[in-house]
PDB file of N, CA and C in Angstrom:
ATOM      1  N   MET A   1       0.812  -1.088  -0.009  1.00  0.00           N
ATOM      2  CA  MET A   1      -0.272  -0.015   0.279  1.00  0.00           C
ATOM      3  C   MET A   1       0.721   1.257  -0.137  1.00  0.00           C
ATOM      4  N   LYS A   2       0.517   2.118  -0.709  1.00  0.00           N
ATOM      5  CA  LYS A   2       1.161   3.422  -1.189  1.00  0.00           C
ATOM      6  C   LYS A   2       0.893   4.372  -0.149  1.00  0.00           C
ATOM      7  N   GLU A   3       1.363   5.547   0.404  1.00  0.00           N
ATOM      8  CA  GLU A   3       1.004   6.695   0.799  1.00  0.00           C
ATOM      9  C   GLU A   3       1.767   7.476   0.307  1.00  0.00           C
ATOM     10  N   ARG A   4       0.972   8.792   0.169  1.00  0.00           N
ATOM     11  CA  ARG A   4       1.392  10.478  -0.239  1.00  0.00           C
ATOM     12  C   ARG A   4       2.384  11.148   1.332  1.00  0.00           C
ATOM     13  N   LEU A   5       3.257  11.050   0.814  1.00  0.00           N
ATOM     14  CA  LEU A   5       4.281  12.209   1.833  1.00  0.00           C
ATOM     15  C   LEU A   5       4.247  13.510   0.904  1.00  0.00           C
ATOM     16  N   ASN A   6       4.087  14.771   1.676  1.00  0.00           N
ATOM     17  CA  ASN A   6       4.672  16.079   1.269  1.00  0.00           C
ATOM     18  C   ASN A   6       5.686  16.416   1.434  1.00  0.00           C
ATOM     19  N   LEU A   7       6.631  17.037   1.105  1.00  0.00           N
ATOM     20  CA  LEU A   7       8.242  17.316   1.489  1.00  0.00           C
ATOM     21  C   LEU A   7       8.241  18.928   1.081  1.00  0.00           C
ATOM     22  N   THR A   8       9.145  19.537   1.889  1.00  0.00           N
ATOM     23  CA  THR A   8       9.436  20.703   1.247  1.00  0.00           C
ATOM     24  C   THR A   8      10.921  20.614   0.951  1.00  0.00           C
ATOM     25  N   ILE A   9      11.743  20.765  -0.050  1.00  0.00           N
ATOM     26  CA  ILE A   9      12.910  20.510  -0.357  1.00  0.00           C
ATOM     27  C   ILE A   9      12.792  22.040  -1.579  1.00  0.00           C
ATOM     28  N   ASP A  10      14.446  22.749  -1.258  1.00  0.00           N
ATOM     29  CA  ASP A  10      14.740  23.796  -2.262  1.00  0.00           C
ATOM     30  C   ASP A  10      14.570  23.324  -3.101  1.00  0.00           C
ATOM     31  N   ALA A  11      14.330  24.216  -4.462  1.00  0.00           N
ATOM     32  CA  ALA A  11      13.749  24.196  -5.969  1.00  0.00           C
ATOM     33  C   ALA A  11      14.986  24.063  -6.325  1.00  0.00           C
ATOM     34  N   GLY A  12      16.508  23.865  -6.618  1.00  0.00           N
ATOM     35  CA  GLY A  12      17.317  23.810  -7.085  1.00  0.00           C
ATOM     36  C   GLY A  12      17.674  22.212  -7.356  1.00  0.00           C
ATOM     37  N   LEU A  13      17.357  21.815  -5.785  1.00  0.00           N
ATOM     38  CA  LEU A  13      17.597  20.499  -5.404  1.00  0.00           C
ATOM     39  C   LEU A  13      17.100  19.621  -6.055  1.00  0.00           C
ATOM     40  N   VAL A  14      15.429  20.264  -6.477  1.00  0.00           N
ATOM     41  CA  VAL A  14      13.925  19.362  -6.928  1.00  0.00           C
ATOM     42  C   VAL A  14      14.603  19.408  -8.125  1.00  0.00           C
ATOM     43  N   GLU A  15      15.342  20.116  -8.766  1.00  0.00           N
ATOM     44  CA  GLU A  15      15.752  20.184 -10.339  1.00  0.00           C
ATOM     45  C   GLU A  15      16.849  18.833 -10.409  1.00  0.00           C
ATOM     46  N   SER A  16      17.395  19.314  -9.640  1.00  0.00           N
ATOM     47  CA  SER A  16      18.816  18.150  -9.695  1.00  0.00           C
ATOM     48  C   SER A  16      18.463  16.564  -9.670  1.00  0.00           C
ATOM     49  N   MET A  17      17.206  16.498  -8.223  1.00  0.00           N
ATOM     50  CA  MET A  17      16.908  14.952  -7.849  1.00  0.00           C
ATOM     51  C   MET A  17      16.366  14.254  -9.291  1.00  0.00           C
ATOM     52  N   LYS A  18      15.450  15.179 -10.028  1.00  0.00           N
ATOM     53  CA  LYS A  18      14.273  15.082 -11.212  1.00  0.00           C
ATOM     54  C   LYS A  18      15.778  14.506 -12.290  1.00  0.00           C
ATOM     55  N   ALA A  19      16.786  15.127 -12.427  1.00  0.00           N
ATOM     56  CA  ALA A  19      17.484  15.121 -13.210  1.00  0.00           C
ATOM     57  C   ALA A  19      18.325  13.661 -13.353  1.00  0.00           C
ATOM     58  N   TYR A  20      18.725  13.449 -11.691  1.00  0.00           N
ATOM     59  CA  TYR A  20      19.204  12.400 -11.325  1.00  0.00           C
ATOM     60  C   TYR A  20      18.376  11.063 -11.814  1.00  0.00           C
ATOM     61  N   ALA A  21      17.060  11.088 -11.196  1.00  0.00           N
ATOM     62  CA  ALA A  21      16.644  10.026 -11.167  1.00  0.00           C
ATOM     63  C   ALA A  21      16.298   9.836 -12.263  1.00  0.00           C
ATOM     64  N   ALA A  22      15.859  10.722 -13.785  1.00  0.00           N
ATOM     65  CA  ALA A  22      16.060  10.120 -15.399  1.00  0.00           C
ATOM     66  C   ALA A  22      17.346   9.457 -15.550  1.00  0.00           C
ATOM     67  N   SER A  23      18.325   9.621 -15.277  1.00  0.00           N
ATOM     68  CA  SER A  23      19.430   9.352 -15.703  1.00  0.00           C
ATOM     69  C   SER A  23      19.495   7.923 -15.176  1.00  0.00           C
ATOM     70  N   LYS A  24      18.893   7.842 -14.153  1.00  0.00           N
ATOM     71  CA  LYS A  24      18.821   6.602 -13.514  1.00  0.00           C
ATOM     72  C   LYS A  24      17.302   5.524 -13.810  1.00  0.00           C
ATOM     73  N   GLN A  25      16.921   6.366 -14.936  1.00  0.00           N
ATOM     74  CA  GLN A  25      15.181   5.740 -15.440  1.00  0.00           C
ATOM     75  C   GLN A  25      14.124   5.604 -14.158  1.00  0.00           C
ATOM     76  N   MET A  26      14.166   6.333 -12.981  1.00  0.00           N
ATOM     77  CA  MET A  26      13.603   6.508 -11.899  1.00  0.00           C
ATOM     78  C   MET A  26      12.978   7.899 -11.855  1.00  0.00           C
ATOM     79  N   SER A  27      11.171   7.422 -10.991  1.00  0.00           N
ATOM     80  CA  SER A  27      10.963   8.434 -10.784  1.00  0.00           C
ATOM     81  C   SER A  27      11.247   9.314  -9.447  1.00  0.00           C
ATOM     82  N   VAL A  28      11.168  10.483  -9.333  1.00  0.00           N
ATOM     83  CA  VAL A  28      11.761  11.085  -7.461  1.00  0.00           C
ATOM     84  C   VAL A  28      11.233  10.386  -6.449  1.00  0.00           C
ATOM     85  N   SER A  29       9.891   9.540  -7.071  1.00  0.00           N
ATOM     86  CA  SER A  29       9.390   9.036  -5.526  1.00  0.00           C
ATOM     87  C   SER A  29       9.863   7.752  -5.426  1.00  0.00           C
ATOM     88  N   GLU A  30      10.693   6.890  -6.584  1.00  0.00           N
ATOM     89  CA  GLU A  30      11.478   5.988  -6.458  1.00  0.00           C
ATOM     90  C   GLU A  30      12.522   5.579  -5.532  1.00  0.00           C
ATOM     91  N   LEU A  31      13.227   7.284  -6.325  1.00  0.00           N
ATOM     92  CA  LEU A  31      14.622   7.310  -5.729  1.00  0.00           C
ATOM     93  C   LEU A  31      14.227   7.424  -4.209  1.00  0.00           C
ATOM     94  N   VAL A  32      13.261   8.289  -3.828  1.00  0.00           N
ATOM     95  CA  VAL A  32      13.301   8.931  -2.617  1.00  0.00           C
ATOM     96  C   VAL A  32      13.127   7.521  -1.544  1.00  0.00           C
ATOM     97  N   GLU A  33      12.171   6.659  -2.319  1.00  0.00           N
ATOM     98  CA  GLU A  33      11.601   5.425  -1.384  1.00  0.00           C
ATOM     99  C   GLU A  33      13.004   4.395  -1.217  1.00  0.00           C
ATOM    100  N   SER A  34      13.663   4.146  -2.322  1.00  0.00           N
ATOM    101  CA  SER A  34      15.007   3.462  -2.337  1.00  0.00           C
ATOM    102  C   SER A  34      15.601   4.157  -1.110  1.00  0.00           C
ATOM    103  N   TYR A  35      16.395   5.541  -1.331  1.00  0.00           N
ATOM    104  CA  TYR A  35      16.866   6.029   0.198  1.00  0.00           C
ATOM    105  C   TYR A  35      16.367   5.691   1.147  1.00  0.00           C
ATOM    106  N   PHE A  36      15.117   5.680   1.627  1.00  0.00           N
ATOM    107  CA  PHE A  36      14.099   5.395   2.766  1.00  0.00           C
ATOM    108  C   PHE A  36      14.470   3.894   3.282  1.00  0.00           C
ATOM    109  N   ARG A  37      14.388   3.544   2.145  1.00  0.00           N
ATOM    110  CA  ARG A  37      14.602   1.762   2.290  1.00  0.00           C
ATOM    111  C   ARG A  37      15.749   1.516   3.130  1.00  0.00           C
ATOM    112  N   THR A  38      17.153   2.260   1.960  1.00  0.00           N
ATOM    113  CA  THR A  38      18.576   2.126   2.818  1.00  0.00           C
ATOM    114  C   THR A  38      19.026   2.448   4.135  1.00  0.00           C
ATOM    115  N   VAL A  39      18.378   3.511   4.284  1.00  0.00           N
ATOM    116  CA  VAL A  39      18.568   4.531   6.186  1.00  0.00           C
ATOM    117  C   VAL A  39      17.991   3.693   7.031  1.00  0.00           C
ATOM    118  N   THR A  40      17.236   3.097   6.516  1.00  0.00           N
ATOM    119  CA  THR A  40      15.846   2.527   7.760  1.00  0.00           C
ATOM    120  C   THR A  40      16.295   0.891   7.848  1.00  0.00           C
ATOM    121  N   LYS A  41      17.182   0.784   7.071  1.00  0.00           N
ATOM    122  CA  LYS A  41      17.298  -1.096   7.245  1.00  0.00           C
ATOM    123  C   LYS A  41      18.383  -1.336   8.184  1.00  0.00           C
ATOM    124  N   ALA A  42      17.824  -2.281   8.839  1.00  0.00           N
ATOM    125  CA  ALA A  42      18.376  -2.738  10.157  1.00  0.00           C
ATOM    126  C   ALA A  42      19.907  -3.660  10.018  1.00  0.00           C
ATOM    127  N   LEU A  43      20.889  -3.007  10.647  1.00  0.00           N
ATOM    128  CA  LEU A  43      22.140  -3.343  10.170  1.00  0.00           C
ATOM    129  C   LEU A  43      22.598  -4.757  10.867  1.00  0.00           C
ATOM    130  N   PRO A  44      22.880  -5.303  10.468  1.00  0.00           N
ATOM    131  CA  PRO A  44      23.607  -6.670  11.063  1.00  0.00           C
ATOM    132  C   PRO A  44      24.337  -6.466  12.501  1.00  0.00           C
ATOM    133  N   ARG A  45      24.045  -7.172  13.569  1.00  0.00           N
ATOM    134  CA  ARG A  45      24.624  -6.953  14.714  1.00  0.00           C
ATOM    135  C   ARG A  45      25.764  -7.753  14.767  1.00  0.00           C
ATOM    136  N   LYS A  46      27.090  -7.248  15.117  1.00  0.00           N
ATOM    137  CA  LYS A  46      28.237  -7.757  15.479  1.00  0.00           C
ATOM    138  C   LYS A  46      27.845  -8.973  16.638  1.00  0.00           C
ATOM    139  N   SER A  47      28.655  -9.834  16.966  1.00  0.00           N
ATOM    140  CA  SER A  47      28.415 -10.682  18.203  1.00  0.00           C
ATOM    141  C   SER A  47      30.025 -10.134  19.068  1.00  0.00           C
ATOM    142  N   ILE A  48      29.891 -10.416  19.756  1.00  0.00           N
ATOM    143  CA  ILE A  48      31.008  -9.609  21.158  1.00  0.00           C
ATOM    144  C   ILE A  48      32.499 -10.586  20.206  1.00  0.00           C
ATOM    145  N   ILE A  49      32.197 -11.725  19.885  1.00  0.00           N
ATOM    146  CA  ILE A  49      33.275 -12.244  19.551  1.00  0.00           C
ATOM    147  C   ILE A  49      33.976 -11.595  18.088  1.00  0.00           C
ATOM    148  N   ASP A  50      33.464 -11.468  17.224  1.00  0.00           N
ATOM    149  CA  ASP A  50      33.576 -10.922  16.088  1.00  0.00           C
ATOM    150  C   ASP A  50      33.608  -9.155  16.273  1.00  0.00           C
ATOM    151  N   LEU A  51      33.847  -8.400  17.390  1.00  0.00           N
ATOM    152  CA  LEU A  51      34.068  -7.093  17.554  1.00  0.00           C
ATOM    153  C   LEU A  51      35.523  -7.576  18.382  1.00  0.00           C
ATOM    154  N   VAL A  52      35.421  -8.209  19.077  1.00  0.00           N
ATOM    155  CA  VAL A  52      36.798  -8.399  19.936  1.00  0.00           C
ATOM    156  C   VAL A  52      38.158  -8.770  18.921  1.00  0.00           C
ATOM    157  N   ASP A  53      37.762  -9.706  18.303  1.00  0.00           N
ATOM    158  CA  ASP A  53      38.754 -10.341  17.077  1.00  0.00           C
ATOM    159  C   ASP A  53      38.961  -9.368  16.374  1.00  0.00           C
ATOM    160  N   GLY A  54      38.527  -8.070  16.033  1.00  0.00           N
ATOM    161  CA  GLY A  54      38.435  -6.723  15.238  1.00  0.00           C
ATOM    162  C   GLY A  54      39.248  -5.845  15.920  1.00  0.00           C
ATOM    163  N   LEU A  55      39.891  -6.122  16.988  1.00  0.00           N
ATOM    164  CA  LEU A  55      40.500  -5.023  17.993  1.00  0.00           C
ATOM    165  C   LEU A  55      42.182  -5.179  17.796  1.00  0.00           C
ATOM    166  N   GLU A  56      43.004  -4.101  18.199  1.00  0.00           N
ATOM    167  CA  GLU A  56      44.444  -4.355  17.831  1.00  0.00           C
ATOM    168  C   GLU A  56      45.147  -5.174  18.776  1.00  0.00           C
ATOM    169  N   ARG A  57      45.855  -5.920  18.118  1.00  0.00           N
ATOM    170  CA  ARG A  57      46.561  -7.129  19.001  1.00  0.00           C
ATOM    171  C   ARG A  57      47.361  -5.723  19.676  1.00  0.00           C
ATOM    172  N   PRO A  58      48.062  -6.088  20.826  1.00  0.00           N
ATOM    173  CA  PRO A  58      49.230  -5.462  21.359  1.00  0.00           C
ATOM    174  C   PRO A  58      50.217  -6.351  21.057  1.00  0.00           C
ATOM    175  N   ASP A  59      51.418  -5.528  21.546  1.00  0.00           N
ATOM    176  CA  ASP A  59      53.142  -6.217  20.739  1.00  0.00           C
ATOM    177  C   ASP A  59      53.279  -6.646  22.693  1.00  0.00           C
ATOM    178  N   ILE A  60      53.161  -7.537  23.033  1.00  0.00           N
ATOM    179  CA  ILE A  60      53.328  -8.230  24.026  1.00  0.00           C
ATOM    180  C   ILE A  60      53.988  -9.622  23.666  1.00  0.00           C
ATOM    181  N   GLY A  61      54.919  -9.688  24.198  1.00  0.00           N
ATOM    182  CA  GLY A  61      55.822 -11.198  24.142  1.00  0.00           C
ATOM    183  C   GLY A  61      55.468 -12.042  25.434  1.00  0.00           C
ATOM    184  N   PRO A  62      55.479 -13.208  25.193  1.00  0.00           N
ATOM    185  CA  PRO A  62      55.732 -14.282  26.113  1.00  0.00           C
ATOM    186  C   PRO A  62      56.338 -13.950  27.263  1.00  0.00           C
ATOM    187  N   GLY A  63      55.548 -14.554  28.371  1.00  0.00           N
ATOM    188  CA  GLY A  63      56.705 -14.200  29.408  1.00  0.00           C
ATOM    189  C   GLY A  63      56.412 -12.575  30.456  1.00  0.00           C
ATOM    190  N   VAL A  64      56.014 -11.940  29.482  1.00  0.00           N
ATOM    191  CA  VAL A  64      55.904 -10.567  30.229  1.00  0.00           C
ATOM    192  C   VAL A  64      54.908 -10.947  31.481  1.00  0.00           C
ATOM    193  N   ASP A  65      55.429  -9.846  32.394  1.00  0.00           N
ATOM    194  CA  ASP A  65      54.737  -9.607  33.748  1.00  0.00           C
ATOM    195  C   ASP A  65      53.686  -9.072  33.251  1.00  0.00           C
ATOM    196  N   LEU A  66      52.470  -8.946  33.174  1.00  0.00           N
ATOM    197  CA  LEU A  66      51.237  -8.166  32.469  1.00  0.00           C
ATOM    198  C   LEU A  66      50.933  -6.918  33.824  1.00  0.00           C
ATOM    199  N   LYS A  67      51.370  -7.504  35.344  1.00  0.00           N
ATOM    200  CA  LYS A  67      50.798  -6.481  36.134  1.00  0.00           C
ATOM    201  C   LYS A  67      51.803  -5.382  36.463  1.00  0.00           C
ATOM    202  N   GLU A  68      52.925  -5.887  36.126  1.00  0.00           N
ATOM    203  CA  GLU A  68      54.520  -5.048  36.296  1.00  0.00           C
ATOM    204  C   GLU A  68      54.190  -3.972  34.852  1.00  0.00           C
ATOM    205  N   LEU A  69      54.120  -4.523  34.048  1.00  0.00           N
ATOM    206  CA  LEU A  69      53.797  -3.899  32.781  1.00  0.00           C
ATOM    207  C   LEU A  69      52.372  -2.753  33.254  1.00  0.00           C
ATOM    208  N   TYR A  70      51.311  -3.094  33.423  1.00  0.00           N
ATOM    209  CA  TYR A  70      50.532  -2.313  34.167  1.00  0.00           C
ATOM    210  C   TYR A  70      50.863  -1.369  34.597  1.00  0.00           C
ATOM    211  N   TYR A  71      51.444  -1.404  35.979  1.00  0.00           N
ATOM    212  CA  TYR A  71      51.825   0.005  37.321  1.00  0.00           C
ATOM    213  C   TYR A  71      52.958   0.382  36.149  1.00  0.00           C
ATOM    214  N   LYS A  72      53.726   0.441  35.559  1.00  0.00           N
ATOM    215  CA  LYS A  72      54.936   0.921  34.831  1.00  0.00           C
ATOM    216  C   LYS A  72      54.188   1.871  33.740  1.00  0.00           C
ATOM    217  N   GLU A  73      53.185   1.521  32.720  1.00  0.00           N
ATOM    218  CA  GLU A  73      52.695   2.139  32.070  1.00  0.00           C
ATOM    219  C   GLU A  73      51.864   3.345  32.838  1.00  0.00           C
ATOM    220  N   ALA A  74      50.772   2.852  33.853  1.00  0.00           N
ATOM    221  CA  ALA A  74      50.359   3.649  34.516  1.00  0.00           C
ATOM    222  C   ALA A  74      50.975   5.055  35.165  1.00  0.00           C
ATOM    223  N   GLY A  75      52.055   4.601  35.675  1.00  0.00           N
ATOM    224  CA  GLY A  75      53.372   5.599  36.038  1.00  0.00           C
ATOM    225  C   GLY A  75      53.333   5.690  37.293  1.00  0.00           C
ATOM    226  N   HIS A  76      53.234   4.154  37.832  1.00  0.00           N
ATOM    227  CA  HIS A  76      52.914   4.160  39.557  1.00  0.00           C
ATOM    228  C   HIS A  76      53.859   3.418  39.908  1.00  0.00           C
ATOM    229  N   GLY A  77      54.703   2.898  39.426  1.00  0.00           N
ATOM    230  CA  GLY A  77      56.315   2.100  39.875  1.00  0.00           C
ATOM    231  C   GLY A  77      55.354   0.764  40.644  1.00  0.00           C
ATOM    232  N   PHE A  78      56.608   0.079  41.022  1.00  0.00           N
ATOM    233  CA  PHE A  78      56.425  -1.009  41.539  1.00  0.00           C
ATOM    234  C   PHE A  78      56.918  -0.691  42.963  1.00  0.00           C
TER     235      PHE A  78
END
């Protein structure tokens, strides 16, 4: 079911939209509807594993005392 929507847009922009829509063989209504579908589409959610995997890995060698490194970096000394 289609519904009518009134928009107030700068006249120069409307002319540009009409030209762009015509170049894509679309109506301005189809162009606007397509844009609205794009911006309202739900983004796929990433799992916590994907987020953690995307984090930059620190350059810490094996056998490093992480507690000592933390205090050294924080400026607290040991």
